[in-house]
């Protein structure tokens, strides 16, 4: 089914489809390629034409998934698709906690003092030990309003991040420099953090200092 036919199918079924090129959505998706994230899986720097190609490939995969699911069930939900590409697109820093030494796992607050602050679990490692990937995971489906459908997000690697949060049982590989930078930001904004208590923050930062010096 062509792109236009898939969109027409969803709209005929009563859904409003939000295309990836919608200015706010495109800006959000494109931002993943504009600069490195503090920690986690990261896209490599690439020309804008490649960025547009990856976003487009993800949109086609999500449209196909939404149409197929609606034909079977008459409903839409959340969809995740992993796209295998013929070239490296970034790093896949997600690692199962079962494969990590629990004594080495650190917990820190990313984006401290903001509405988006979250706890991240990190495993210190060398930059060269964070694997490259030719896979990209895209998520999309029905929006909170119950009648709009479209992209949610895209990330390098094979692990879906729901609202920037890894599934339970996973952590991020991170370099000492990345961990130290995040710890300094967290320490500078410790009074503004609401997700955990100050004592918990201090315990998190204390473990970082003990491990990294």
N, C-alpha and C. Protein backbone atom coordinates (compact mmCIF):
# COMPACT_ATOMS: atom_id res chain seq x y z
N UNK A 1 0.84 -1.19 0.00
CA UNK A 1 0.00 0.00 0.00
C UNK A 1 0.88 1.25 0.00
N UNK A 2 0.57 2.20 -0.84
CA UNK A 2 1.36 3.42 -0.93
C UNK A 2 1.15 4.29 0.31
N UNK A 3 2.04 5.27 0.47
CA UNK A 3 1.93 6.19 1.60
C UNK A 3 0.58 6.90 1.60
N UNK A 4 0.21 7.44 0.46
CA UNK A 4 -1.05 8.19 0.37
C UNK A 4 -2.26 7.29 0.61
N UNK A 5 -2.19 6.04 0.12
CA UNK A 5 -3.30 5.11 0.34
C UNK A 5 -3.44 4.76 1.82
N UNK A 6 -2.29 4.60 2.51
CA UNK A 6 -2.33 4.27 3.93
C UNK A 6 -2.93 5.42 4.74
N UNK A 7 -2.51 6.64 4.40
CA UNK A 7 -3.07 7.81 5.09
C UNK A 7 -4.57 7.91 4.83
N UNK A 8 -4.97 7.69 3.58
CA UNK A 8 -6.39 7.76 3.23
C UNK A 8 -7.16 6.69 3.99
N UNK A 9 -6.59 5.48 4.13
CA UNK A 9 -7.25 4.40 4.86
C UNK A 9 -7.52 4.82 6.30
N UNK A 10 -6.49 5.37 6.96
CA UNK A 10 -6.65 5.76 8.36
C UNK A 10 -7.68 6.88 8.51
N UNK A 11 -7.64 7.82 7.60
CA UNK A 11 -8.59 8.94 7.70
C UNK A 11 -10.02 8.48 7.39
N UNK A 12 -10.15 7.54 6.47
CA UNK A 12 -11.47 6.98 6.18
C UNK A 12 -11.99 6.20 7.38
N UNK A 13 -11.07 5.63 8.18
CA UNK A 13 -11.45 4.88 9.38
C UNK A 13 -11.78 5.80 10.55
N UNK A 14 -11.63 7.11 10.34
CA UNK A 14 -12.02 8.06 11.37
C UNK A 14 -10.88 8.66 12.17
N UNK A 15 -9.64 8.41 11.73
CA UNK A 15 -8.48 8.95 12.44
C UNK A 15 -7.89 10.13 11.67
N UNK A 16 -7.34 11.08 12.42
CA UNK A 16 -6.59 12.17 11.80
C UNK A 16 -5.12 11.77 11.80
N UNK A 17 -4.49 11.73 10.63
CA UNK A 17 -3.08 11.33 10.56
C UNK A 17 -2.19 12.57 10.60
N UNK A 18 -1.24 12.56 11.53
CA UNK A 18 -0.28 13.66 11.63
C UNK A 18 1.00 13.26 10.91
N UNK A 19 1.30 13.85 9.76
CA UNK A 19 2.48 13.45 9.00
C UNK A 19 3.78 13.85 9.68
N UNK A 20 4.83 13.13 9.39
CA UNK A 20 6.13 13.41 10.01
C UNK A 20 6.62 14.80 9.67
N UNK A 21 6.24 15.32 8.50
CA UNK A 21 6.71 16.65 8.11
C UNK A 21 5.96 17.78 8.78
N UNK A 22 4.99 17.48 9.65
CA UNK A 22 4.37 18.54 10.44
C UNK A 22 5.48 19.29 11.17
N UNK A 23 5.50 20.62 11.12
CA UNK A 23 6.66 21.37 11.64
C UNK A 23 7.10 20.99 13.04
N UNK A 24 6.16 20.88 13.99
CA UNK A 24 6.56 20.57 15.36
C UNK A 24 7.10 19.15 15.49
N UNK A 25 6.47 18.21 14.79
CA UNK A 25 6.91 16.82 14.86
C UNK A 25 8.25 16.64 14.17
N UNK A 26 8.41 17.26 13.00
CA UNK A 26 9.68 17.15 12.28
C UNK A 26 10.82 17.74 13.10
N UNK A 27 10.59 18.89 13.72
CA UNK A 27 11.62 19.51 14.55
C UNK A 27 12.04 18.60 15.68
N UNK A 28 11.05 17.94 16.30
CA UNK A 28 11.35 17.01 17.39
C UNK A 28 12.16 15.82 16.90
N UNK A 29 11.72 15.20 15.81
CA UNK A 29 12.43 14.02 15.29
C UNK A 29 13.83 14.39 14.82
N UNK A 30 13.95 15.51 14.14
CA UNK A 30 15.24 15.95 13.61
C UNK A 30 16.22 16.31 14.73
N UNK A 31 15.67 16.71 15.88
CA UNK A 31 16.54 17.13 16.99
C UNK A 31 17.42 15.99 17.50
N UNK A 32 17.00 14.74 17.27
CA UNK A 32 17.81 13.61 17.72
C UNK A 32 19.13 13.52 16.95
N UNK A 33 19.18 14.15 15.80
CA UNK A 33 20.39 14.11 14.97
C UNK A 33 21.21 15.39 15.11
N UNK A 34 20.65 16.40 15.75
CA UNK A 34 21.27 17.73 15.76
C UNK A 34 22.43 17.83 16.75
N UNK A 35 22.38 17.08 17.82
CA UNK A 35 23.43 17.14 18.83
C UNK A 35 23.38 15.90 19.70
N UNK A 36 24.49 15.57 20.33
CA UNK A 36 24.54 14.35 21.14
C UNK A 36 23.70 14.47 22.39
N UNK A 37 23.05 13.37 22.75
CA UNK A 37 22.34 13.29 24.03
C UNK A 37 23.39 13.15 25.13
N UNK A 38 23.04 13.55 26.36
CA UNK A 38 24.01 13.41 27.46
C UNK A 38 24.47 11.97 27.65
N UNK A 39 23.51 11.04 27.64
CA UNK A 39 23.82 9.61 27.76
C UNK A 39 22.83 8.85 26.90
N UNK A 40 23.16 7.59 26.62
CA UNK A 40 22.24 6.74 25.87
C UNK A 40 22.65 6.53 24.44
N UNK A 41 21.80 5.83 23.71
CA UNK A 41 22.05 5.56 22.30
C UNK A 41 21.99 6.85 21.50
N UNK A 42 22.91 7.00 20.55
CA UNK A 42 23.03 8.27 19.83
C UNK A 42 23.18 8.03 18.33
N UNK A 43 22.52 8.87 17.55
CA UNK A 43 22.72 8.84 16.11
C UNK A 43 24.06 9.47 15.78
N UNK A 44 24.69 8.97 14.72
CA UNK A 44 25.91 9.60 14.22
C UNK A 44 25.54 10.86 13.44
N UNK A 45 26.50 11.75 13.31
CA UNK A 45 26.28 12.94 12.49
C UNK A 45 26.13 12.50 11.04
N UNK A 46 25.13 13.04 10.35
CA UNK A 46 24.90 12.66 8.96
C UNK A 46 24.23 13.80 8.22
N UNK A 47 24.35 13.81 6.88
CA UNK A 47 23.74 14.87 6.08
C UNK A 47 22.23 14.91 6.25
N UNK A 48 21.65 16.08 6.03
CA UNK A 48 20.21 16.24 6.22
C UNK A 48 19.40 15.31 5.33
N UNK A 49 19.94 14.97 4.15
CA UNK A 49 19.22 14.07 3.26
C UNK A 49 19.10 12.68 3.88
N UNK A 50 20.14 12.23 4.59
CA UNK A 50 20.09 10.93 5.27
C UNK A 50 19.10 10.97 6.43
N UNK A 51 19.09 12.09 7.15
CA UNK A 51 18.15 12.25 8.26
C UNK A 51 16.72 12.13 7.75
N UNK A 52 16.44 12.84 6.65
CA UNK A 52 15.10 12.80 6.07
C UNK A 52 14.74 11.39 5.62
N UNK A 53 15.74 10.67 5.07
CA UNK A 53 15.49 9.30 4.61
C UNK A 53 15.13 8.39 5.78
N UNK A 54 15.86 8.51 6.90
CA UNK A 54 15.58 7.66 8.06
C UNK A 54 14.20 7.96 8.65
N UNK A 55 13.88 9.24 8.76
CA UNK A 55 12.55 9.60 9.28
C UNK A 55 11.47 9.06 8.37
N UNK A 56 11.68 9.16 7.05
CA UNK A 56 10.71 8.66 6.09
C UNK A 56 10.55 7.15 6.16
N UNK A 57 11.67 6.42 6.29
CA UNK A 57 11.59 4.97 6.40
C UNK A 57 10.80 4.56 7.65
N UNK A 58 11.03 5.29 8.74
CA UNK A 58 10.30 5.00 9.96
C UNK A 58 8.81 5.26 9.80
N UNK A 59 8.48 6.35 9.12
CA UNK A 59 7.07 6.67 8.92
C UNK A 59 6.37 5.61 8.09
N UNK A 60 7.03 5.12 7.06
CA UNK A 60 6.41 4.07 6.23
C UNK A 60 6.18 2.79 7.03
N UNK A 61 7.16 2.43 7.87
CA UNK A 61 7.01 1.23 8.68
C UNK A 61 5.85 1.37 9.67
N UNK A 62 5.71 2.55 10.25
CA UNK A 62 4.63 2.77 11.21
C UNK A 62 3.26 2.79 10.53
N UNK A 63 3.18 3.42 9.36
CA UNK A 63 1.92 3.43 8.62
C UNK A 63 1.49 2.01 8.28
N UNK A 64 2.43 1.22 7.81
CA UNK A 64 2.13 -0.17 7.46
C UNK A 64 1.61 -0.93 8.68
N UNK A 65 2.26 -0.72 9.84
CA UNK A 65 1.85 -1.40 11.06
C UNK A 65 0.46 -0.96 11.50
N UNK A 66 0.19 0.34 11.42
CA UNK A 66 -1.11 0.84 11.86
C UNK A 66 -2.25 0.33 10.99
N UNK A 67 -2.04 0.34 9.69
CA UNK A 67 -3.08 -0.14 8.77
C UNK A 67 -3.33 -1.62 8.99
N UNK A 68 -2.25 -2.41 9.07
CA UNK A 68 -2.40 -3.86 9.25
C UNK A 68 -3.14 -4.18 10.55
N UNK A 69 -2.80 -3.47 11.63
CA UNK A 69 -3.43 -3.72 12.91
C UNK A 69 -4.91 -3.32 12.88
N UNK A 70 -5.20 -2.18 12.25
CA UNK A 70 -6.59 -1.75 12.20
C UNK A 70 -7.44 -2.70 11.39
N UNK A 71 -6.90 -3.23 10.32
CA UNK A 71 -7.65 -4.19 9.50
C UNK A 71 -7.99 -5.44 10.31
N UNK A 72 -7.11 -5.83 11.22
CA UNK A 72 -7.33 -7.03 12.03
C UNK A 72 -8.26 -6.78 13.21
N UNK A 73 -8.09 -5.60 13.84
CA UNK A 73 -8.77 -5.38 15.12
C UNK A 73 -9.78 -4.24 15.11
N UNK A 74 -9.69 -3.36 14.11
CA UNK A 74 -10.57 -2.20 14.08
C UNK A 74 -10.16 -1.11 15.05
N UNK A 75 -8.92 -1.21 15.58
CA UNK A 75 -8.45 -0.22 16.55
C UNK A 75 -6.99 0.11 16.30
N UNK A 76 -6.51 1.15 16.98
CA UNK A 76 -5.10 1.51 16.94
C UNK A 76 -4.56 1.56 18.36
N UNK A 77 -3.25 1.40 18.49
CA UNK A 77 -2.60 1.50 19.80
C UNK A 77 -1.21 2.03 19.62
N UNK A 78 -0.28 1.45 20.34
CA UNK A 78 1.14 1.83 20.25
C UNK A 78 1.87 0.78 19.42
N UNK A 79 2.73 1.24 18.52
CA UNK A 79 3.44 0.33 17.63
C UNK A 79 4.94 0.61 17.67
N UNK A 80 5.72 -0.47 17.63
CA UNK A 80 7.17 -0.38 17.60
C UNK A 80 7.69 -1.22 16.45
N UNK A 81 8.57 -0.66 15.67
CA UNK A 81 9.18 -1.39 14.56
C UNK A 81 10.68 -1.15 14.57
N UNK A 82 11.45 -2.22 14.35
CA UNK A 82 12.90 -2.12 14.25
C UNK A 82 13.27 -2.23 12.77
N UNK A 83 14.00 -1.25 12.28
CA UNK A 83 14.37 -1.20 10.87
C UNK A 83 15.85 -1.54 10.74
N UNK A 84 16.15 -2.52 9.90
CA UNK A 84 17.53 -2.96 9.65
C UNK A 84 18.05 -2.21 8.43
N UNK A 85 19.10 -1.44 8.61
CA UNK A 85 19.63 -0.61 7.54
C UNK A 85 20.98 -1.13 7.06
N UNK A 86 21.38 -0.79 5.83
CA UNK A 86 22.65 -1.30 5.29
C UNK A 86 23.87 -0.47 5.69
N UNK A 87 23.71 0.42 6.65
CA UNK A 87 24.82 1.25 7.09
C UNK A 87 24.66 1.59 8.57
N UNK A 88 25.75 1.97 9.20
CA UNK A 88 25.74 2.33 10.61
C UNK A 88 25.00 3.64 10.80
N UNK A 89 24.07 3.66 11.77
CA UNK A 89 23.31 4.89 12.02
C UNK A 89 23.64 5.51 13.37
N UNK A 90 24.35 4.78 14.23
CA UNK A 90 24.67 5.34 15.54
C UNK A 90 25.17 4.28 16.49
N UNK A 91 24.99 4.53 17.78
CA UNK A 91 25.41 3.58 18.81
C UNK A 91 24.18 3.03 19.52
N UNK A 92 24.30 1.81 19.98
CA UNK A 92 23.24 1.18 20.77
C UNK A 92 23.79 0.98 22.18
N UNK A 93 23.50 1.93 23.05
CA UNK A 93 24.08 1.92 24.40
C UNK A 93 23.25 1.15 25.41
N UNK A 94 22.09 0.63 24.99
CA UNK A 94 21.23 -0.10 25.92
C UNK A 94 21.82 -1.49 26.19
N UNK A 95 21.83 -1.86 27.45
CA UNK A 95 22.38 -3.16 27.83
C UNK A 95 21.50 -3.78 28.92
N UNK A 96 21.20 -5.08 28.84
CA UNK A 96 20.41 -5.72 29.89
C UNK A 96 21.13 -5.67 31.23
N UNK A 97 20.41 -5.33 32.28
CA UNK A 97 21.02 -5.27 33.60
C UNK A 97 21.55 -6.62 34.04
N UNK A 98 20.94 -7.69 33.52
CA UNK A 98 21.38 -9.03 33.88
C UNK A 98 22.82 -9.29 33.43
N UNK A 99 23.28 -8.54 32.42
CA UNK A 99 24.64 -8.71 31.91
C UNK A 99 25.64 -7.78 32.60
N UNK A 100 25.15 -6.92 33.48
CA UNK A 100 26.02 -5.95 34.14
C UNK A 100 26.28 -6.34 35.59
N UNK A 101 27.44 -5.96 36.09
CA UNK A 101 27.77 -6.14 37.51
C UNK A 101 26.95 -5.12 38.29
N UNK A 102 26.06 -5.58 39.14
CA UNK A 102 25.16 -4.67 39.86
C UNK A 102 25.92 -3.63 40.67
N UNK A 103 27.13 -3.99 41.12
CA UNK A 103 27.93 -3.05 41.90
C UNK A 103 28.43 -1.89 41.05
N UNK A 104 28.43 -2.09 39.73
CA UNK A 104 28.93 -1.06 38.81
C UNK A 104 27.83 -0.16 38.27
N UNK A 105 26.57 -0.50 38.53
CA UNK A 105 25.46 0.27 37.97
C UNK A 105 25.24 1.54 38.80
N UNK A 106 25.20 2.66 38.11
CA UNK A 106 24.99 3.96 38.75
C UNK A 106 23.60 4.48 38.41
N UNK A 107 22.99 5.23 39.33
CA UNK A 107 21.71 5.88 39.08
C UNK A 107 21.91 7.38 39.20
N UNK A 108 21.48 8.13 38.18
CA UNK A 108 21.57 9.58 38.20
C UNK A 108 20.28 10.18 37.64
N UNK A 109 20.12 11.47 37.83
CA UNK A 109 18.96 12.18 37.31
C UNK A 109 19.37 12.93 36.04
N UNK A 110 18.73 12.62 34.95
CA UNK A 110 18.97 13.35 33.70
C UNK A 110 17.94 14.48 33.60
N UNK A 111 18.35 15.59 33.02
CA UNK A 111 17.52 16.80 32.92
C UNK A 111 16.99 17.22 34.28
N UNK A 112 17.86 17.31 35.27
CA UNK A 112 17.42 17.63 36.64
C UNK A 112 16.77 19.00 36.73
N UNK A 113 15.75 19.08 37.56
CA UNK A 113 15.08 20.35 37.79
C UNK A 113 14.14 20.79 36.69
N UNK A 114 13.85 19.89 35.75
CA UNK A 114 12.91 20.20 34.67
C UNK A 114 11.74 19.23 34.74
N UNK A 115 10.64 19.54 34.05
CA UNK A 115 9.51 18.61 34.03
C UNK A 115 9.87 17.25 33.42
N UNK A 116 10.96 17.22 32.65
CA UNK A 116 11.35 15.98 31.97
C UNK A 116 12.40 15.18 32.74
N UNK A 117 12.71 15.59 33.98
CA UNK A 117 13.76 14.88 34.71
C UNK A 117 13.39 13.41 34.88
N UNK A 118 14.40 12.57 34.80
CA UNK A 118 14.17 11.12 34.91
C UNK A 118 15.39 10.45 35.49
N UNK A 119 15.19 9.29 36.07
CA UNK A 119 16.30 8.49 36.58
C UNK A 119 16.87 7.65 35.45
N UNK A 120 18.18 7.68 35.29
CA UNK A 120 18.84 6.81 34.31
C UNK A 120 19.82 5.90 35.04
N UNK A 121 19.89 4.67 34.58
CA UNK A 121 20.84 3.71 35.13
C UNK A 121 21.99 3.59 34.15
N UNK A 122 23.20 3.72 34.64
CA UNK A 122 24.37 3.80 33.79
C UNK A 122 25.41 2.76 34.20
N UNK A 123 26.08 2.21 33.20
CA UNK A 123 27.18 1.28 33.43
C UNK A 123 28.43 1.89 32.81
N UNK A 124 29.43 2.25 33.62
CA UNK A 124 30.63 2.88 33.07
C UNK A 124 31.36 1.95 32.11
N UNK A 125 31.81 2.53 31.00
CA UNK A 125 32.53 1.75 30.00
C UNK A 125 33.36 2.68 29.13
N UNK A 126 34.28 2.12 28.38
CA UNK A 126 35.08 2.91 27.45
C UNK A 126 34.26 3.23 26.21
N UNK A 127 34.53 4.37 25.60
CA UNK A 127 33.77 4.79 24.42
C UNK A 127 33.81 3.73 23.32
N UNK A 128 34.97 3.10 23.14
CA UNK A 128 35.11 2.10 22.07
C UNK A 128 34.32 0.83 22.35
N UNK A 129 33.87 0.65 23.60
CA UNK A 129 33.11 -0.55 23.94
C UNK A 129 31.60 -0.36 23.81
N UNK A 130 31.17 0.84 23.44
CA UNK A 130 29.75 1.07 23.17
C UNK A 130 29.51 0.69 21.71
N UNK A 131 28.72 -0.35 21.46
CA UNK A 131 28.61 -0.88 20.09
C UNK A 131 27.90 0.05 19.12
N UNK A 132 28.37 0.00 17.88
CA UNK A 132 27.66 0.69 16.80
C UNK A 132 26.49 -0.17 16.35
N UNK A 133 25.54 0.44 15.66
CA UNK A 133 24.37 -0.30 15.22
C UNK A 133 23.90 0.16 13.86
N UNK A 134 23.34 -0.76 13.11
CA UNK A 134 22.70 -0.43 11.83
C UNK A 134 21.18 -0.58 11.96
N UNK A 135 20.70 -0.65 13.19
CA UNK A 135 19.26 -0.76 13.43
C UNK A 135 18.70 0.56 13.97
N UNK A 136 17.46 0.81 13.66
CA UNK A 136 16.74 1.97 14.18
C UNK A 136 15.37 1.52 14.66
N UNK A 137 15.00 1.94 15.85
CA UNK A 137 13.69 1.61 16.41
C UNK A 137 12.78 2.83 16.32
N UNK A 138 11.60 2.64 15.75
CA UNK A 138 10.63 3.73 15.65
C UNK A 138 9.37 3.34 16.41
N UNK A 139 8.74 4.34 17.01
CA UNK A 139 7.49 4.11 17.73
C UNK A 139 6.46 5.12 17.25
N UNK A 140 5.20 4.70 17.28
CA UNK A 140 4.12 5.57 16.84
C UNK A 140 2.79 4.91 17.12
N UNK A 141 1.72 5.58 16.69
CA UNK A 141 0.39 5.04 16.90
C UNK A 141 -0.59 6.12 17.28
N UNK A 142 -1.53 5.73 18.12
CA UNK A 142 -2.61 6.63 18.51
C UNK A 142 -2.13 7.62 19.57
N UNK A 143 -2.48 8.89 19.41
CA UNK A 143 -2.11 9.93 20.36
C UNK A 143 -3.13 9.96 21.51
N UNK A 144 -2.82 10.77 22.52
CA UNK A 144 -3.64 10.80 23.72
C UNK A 144 -5.06 11.31 23.47
N UNK A 145 -5.26 12.07 22.38
CA UNK A 145 -6.61 12.60 22.13
C UNK A 145 -7.57 11.52 21.62
N UNK A 146 -7.04 10.34 21.27
CA UNK A 146 -7.89 9.23 20.87
C UNK A 146 -8.31 9.22 19.42
N UNK A 147 -7.92 10.24 18.63
CA UNK A 147 -8.30 10.22 17.22
C UNK A 147 -7.18 10.65 16.27
N UNK A 148 -6.04 11.08 16.82
CA UNK A 148 -4.90 11.44 15.99
C UNK A 148 -3.87 10.32 16.06
N UNK A 149 -3.26 10.01 14.91
CA UNK A 149 -2.24 8.96 14.87
C UNK A 149 -1.01 9.49 14.15
N UNK A 150 0.15 8.97 14.52
CA UNK A 150 1.39 9.39 13.87
C UNK A 150 2.61 8.89 14.62
N UNK A 151 3.74 9.50 14.31
CA UNK A 151 5.02 9.18 14.93
C UNK A 151 5.02 9.51 16.42
N UNK A 152 5.75 8.71 17.21
CA UNK A 152 6.10 9.09 18.58
C UNK A 152 7.57 9.51 18.62
N UNK A 153 8.43 8.58 18.18
CA UNK A 153 9.86 8.81 18.37
C UNK A 153 10.67 7.85 17.50
N UNK A 154 11.97 8.08 17.43
CA UNK A 154 12.89 7.15 16.77
C UNK A 154 14.22 7.21 17.49
N UNK A 155 14.89 6.05 17.55
CA UNK A 155 16.16 5.93 18.25
C UNK A 155 17.05 4.94 17.51
N UNK A 156 18.37 5.10 17.59
CA UNK A 156 19.24 4.06 17.05
C UNK A 156 19.22 2.84 17.96
N UNK A 157 19.39 1.66 17.37
CA UNK A 157 19.42 0.44 18.16
C UNK A 157 18.11 -0.32 18.10
N UNK A 158 18.05 -1.38 18.88
CA UNK A 158 16.89 -2.29 18.84
C UNK A 158 16.04 -2.23 20.10
N UNK A 159 16.28 -1.26 20.95
CA UNK A 159 15.55 -1.21 22.21
C UNK A 159 14.65 0.02 22.24
N UNK A 160 13.37 -0.21 22.43
CA UNK A 160 12.38 0.87 22.45
C UNK A 160 12.49 1.66 23.75
N UNK A 161 12.53 2.98 23.62
CA UNK A 161 12.49 3.85 24.79
C UNK A 161 11.12 4.51 24.83
N UNK A 162 10.40 4.25 25.89
CA UNK A 162 9.05 4.79 26.03
C UNK A 162 9.12 6.11 26.78
N UNK A 163 8.89 7.22 26.06
CA UNK A 163 9.02 8.52 26.70
C UNK A 163 10.42 8.74 27.22
N UNK A 164 11.43 8.28 26.43
CA UNK A 164 12.84 8.42 26.78
C UNK A 164 13.26 7.53 27.93
N UNK A 165 12.43 6.57 28.30
CA UNK A 165 12.76 5.68 29.40
C UNK A 165 12.94 4.26 28.87
N UNK A 166 14.07 3.65 29.20
CA UNK A 166 14.31 2.28 28.78
C UNK A 166 13.36 1.33 29.49
N UNK A 167 13.05 0.20 28.83
CA UNK A 167 12.23 -0.80 29.52
C UNK A 167 12.91 -1.29 30.79
N UNK A 168 12.13 -1.77 31.73
CA UNK A 168 12.69 -2.33 32.96
C UNK A 168 13.70 -3.42 32.61
N UNK A 169 14.79 -3.45 33.34
CA UNK A 169 15.79 -4.48 33.09
C UNK A 169 16.91 -4.04 32.16
N UNK A 170 16.93 -2.76 31.78
CA UNK A 170 17.98 -2.25 30.90
C UNK A 170 18.66 -1.04 31.53
N UNK A 171 19.90 -0.82 31.12
CA UNK A 171 20.65 0.37 31.53
C UNK A 171 21.39 0.89 30.30
N UNK A 172 22.03 2.04 30.45
CA UNK A 172 22.84 2.62 29.37
C UNK A 172 24.32 2.42 29.66
N UNK A 173 25.07 2.03 28.65
CA UNK A 173 26.52 2.13 28.71
C UNK A 173 26.88 3.60 28.59
N UNK A 174 27.82 4.06 29.39
CA UNK A 174 28.20 5.47 29.34
C UNK A 174 29.67 5.61 29.71
N UNK A 175 30.32 6.59 29.10
CA UNK A 175 31.73 6.83 29.41
C UNK A 175 31.86 7.60 30.73
N UNK A 176 33.06 7.57 31.29
CA UNK A 176 33.28 8.31 32.55
C UNK A 176 33.03 9.80 32.34
N UNK A 177 33.40 10.31 31.17
CA UNK A 177 33.19 11.74 30.89
C UNK A 177 31.70 12.07 30.86
N UNK A 178 30.89 11.20 30.25
CA UNK A 178 29.44 11.43 30.20
C UNK A 178 28.83 11.37 31.59
N UNK A 179 29.26 10.39 32.38
CA UNK A 179 28.73 10.24 33.73
C UNK A 179 29.12 11.44 34.60
N UNK A 180 30.38 11.85 34.50
CA UNK A 180 30.85 12.98 35.30
C UNK A 180 30.11 14.26 34.94
N UNK A 181 29.87 14.46 33.65
CA UNK A 181 29.15 15.66 33.21
C UNK A 181 27.73 15.68 33.75
N UNK A 182 27.07 14.52 33.70
CA UNK A 182 25.69 14.42 34.20
C UNK A 182 25.67 14.61 35.71
N UNK A 183 26.66 14.07 36.41
CA UNK A 183 26.72 14.21 37.86
C UNK A 183 26.93 15.67 38.26
N UNK A 184 27.77 16.39 37.51
CA UNK A 184 28.00 17.81 37.82
C UNK A 184 26.72 18.63 37.63
N UNK A 185 25.99 18.32 36.56
CA UNK A 185 24.73 19.03 36.31
C UNK A 185 23.73 18.72 37.41
N UNK A 186 23.67 17.47 37.81
CA UNK A 186 22.74 17.06 38.87
C UNK A 186 23.10 17.75 40.19
N UNK A 187 24.39 17.82 40.50
CA UNK A 187 24.83 18.44 41.74
C UNK A 187 24.52 19.93 41.74
N UNK A 188 24.68 20.58 40.58
CA UNK A 188 24.43 22.02 40.48
C UNK A 188 22.96 22.35 40.65
N UNK A 189 22.08 21.40 40.31
CA UNK A 189 20.64 21.66 40.36
C UNK A 189 19.94 20.82 41.41
N UNK A 190 20.69 20.37 42.39
CA UNK A 190 20.14 19.43 43.37
C UNK A 190 18.94 20.01 44.12
N UNK A 191 18.92 21.33 44.32
CA UNK A 191 17.80 21.94 45.04
C UNK A 191 16.51 21.93 44.22
N UNK A 192 16.65 21.78 42.91
CA UNK A 192 15.48 21.84 42.03
C UNK A 192 14.90 20.47 41.69
N UNK A 193 15.59 19.42 42.09
CA UNK A 193 15.15 18.06 41.74
C UNK A 193 13.94 17.66 42.60
N UNK A 194 12.92 17.18 41.94
CA UNK A 194 11.69 16.78 42.65
C UNK A 194 11.42 15.28 42.58
N UNK A 195 12.13 14.59 41.69
CA UNK A 195 11.84 13.17 41.46
C UNK A 195 12.24 12.30 42.65
N UNK A 196 13.33 12.67 43.32
CA UNK A 196 13.80 11.93 44.50
C UNK A 196 14.20 12.96 45.56
N UNK A 197 14.43 12.48 46.77
CA UNK A 197 14.80 13.38 47.86
C UNK A 197 16.26 13.83 47.71
N UNK A 198 16.61 14.89 48.43
CA UNK A 198 17.99 15.37 48.41
C UNK A 198 18.93 14.27 48.91
N UNK A 199 18.51 13.55 49.96
CA UNK A 199 19.36 12.48 50.48
C UNK A 199 19.64 11.43 49.41
N UNK A 200 18.61 11.05 48.65
CA UNK A 200 18.81 10.07 47.58
C UNK A 200 19.76 10.61 46.52
N UNK A 201 19.61 11.90 46.20
CA UNK A 201 20.52 12.53 45.24
C UNK A 201 21.96 12.44 45.72
N UNK A 202 22.16 12.74 47.00
CA UNK A 202 23.51 12.71 47.56
C UNK A 202 24.09 11.30 47.55
N UNK A 203 23.23 10.31 47.78
CA UNK A 203 23.70 8.92 47.72
C UNK A 203 24.11 8.54 46.30
N UNK A 204 23.31 8.98 45.32
CA UNK A 204 23.66 8.72 43.91
C UNK A 204 25.00 9.35 43.56
N UNK A 205 25.17 10.61 43.93
CA UNK A 205 26.40 11.34 43.60
C UNK A 205 27.58 10.76 44.37
N UNK A 206 27.35 10.32 45.59
CA UNK A 206 28.42 9.73 46.37
C UNK A 206 28.97 8.46 45.73
N UNK A 207 28.09 7.64 45.19
CA UNK A 207 28.55 6.41 44.53
C UNK A 207 29.37 6.74 43.29
N UNK A 208 28.96 7.78 42.55
CA UNK A 208 29.73 8.19 41.37
C UNK A 208 31.14 8.61 41.79
N UNK A 209 31.24 9.40 42.83
CA UNK A 209 32.55 9.87 43.29
C UNK A 209 33.41 8.72 43.78
N UNK A 210 32.81 7.75 44.45
CA UNK A 210 33.59 6.60 44.93
C UNK A 210 34.11 5.76 43.78
N UNK A 211 33.28 5.62 42.73
CA UNK A 211 33.66 4.76 41.61
C UNK A 211 34.62 5.45 40.63
N UNK A 212 34.35 6.71 40.37
CA UNK A 212 35.12 7.40 39.33
C UNK A 212 36.23 8.28 39.90
N UNK A 213 36.16 8.56 41.21
CA UNK A 213 37.19 9.37 41.83
C UNK A 213 36.97 10.86 41.66
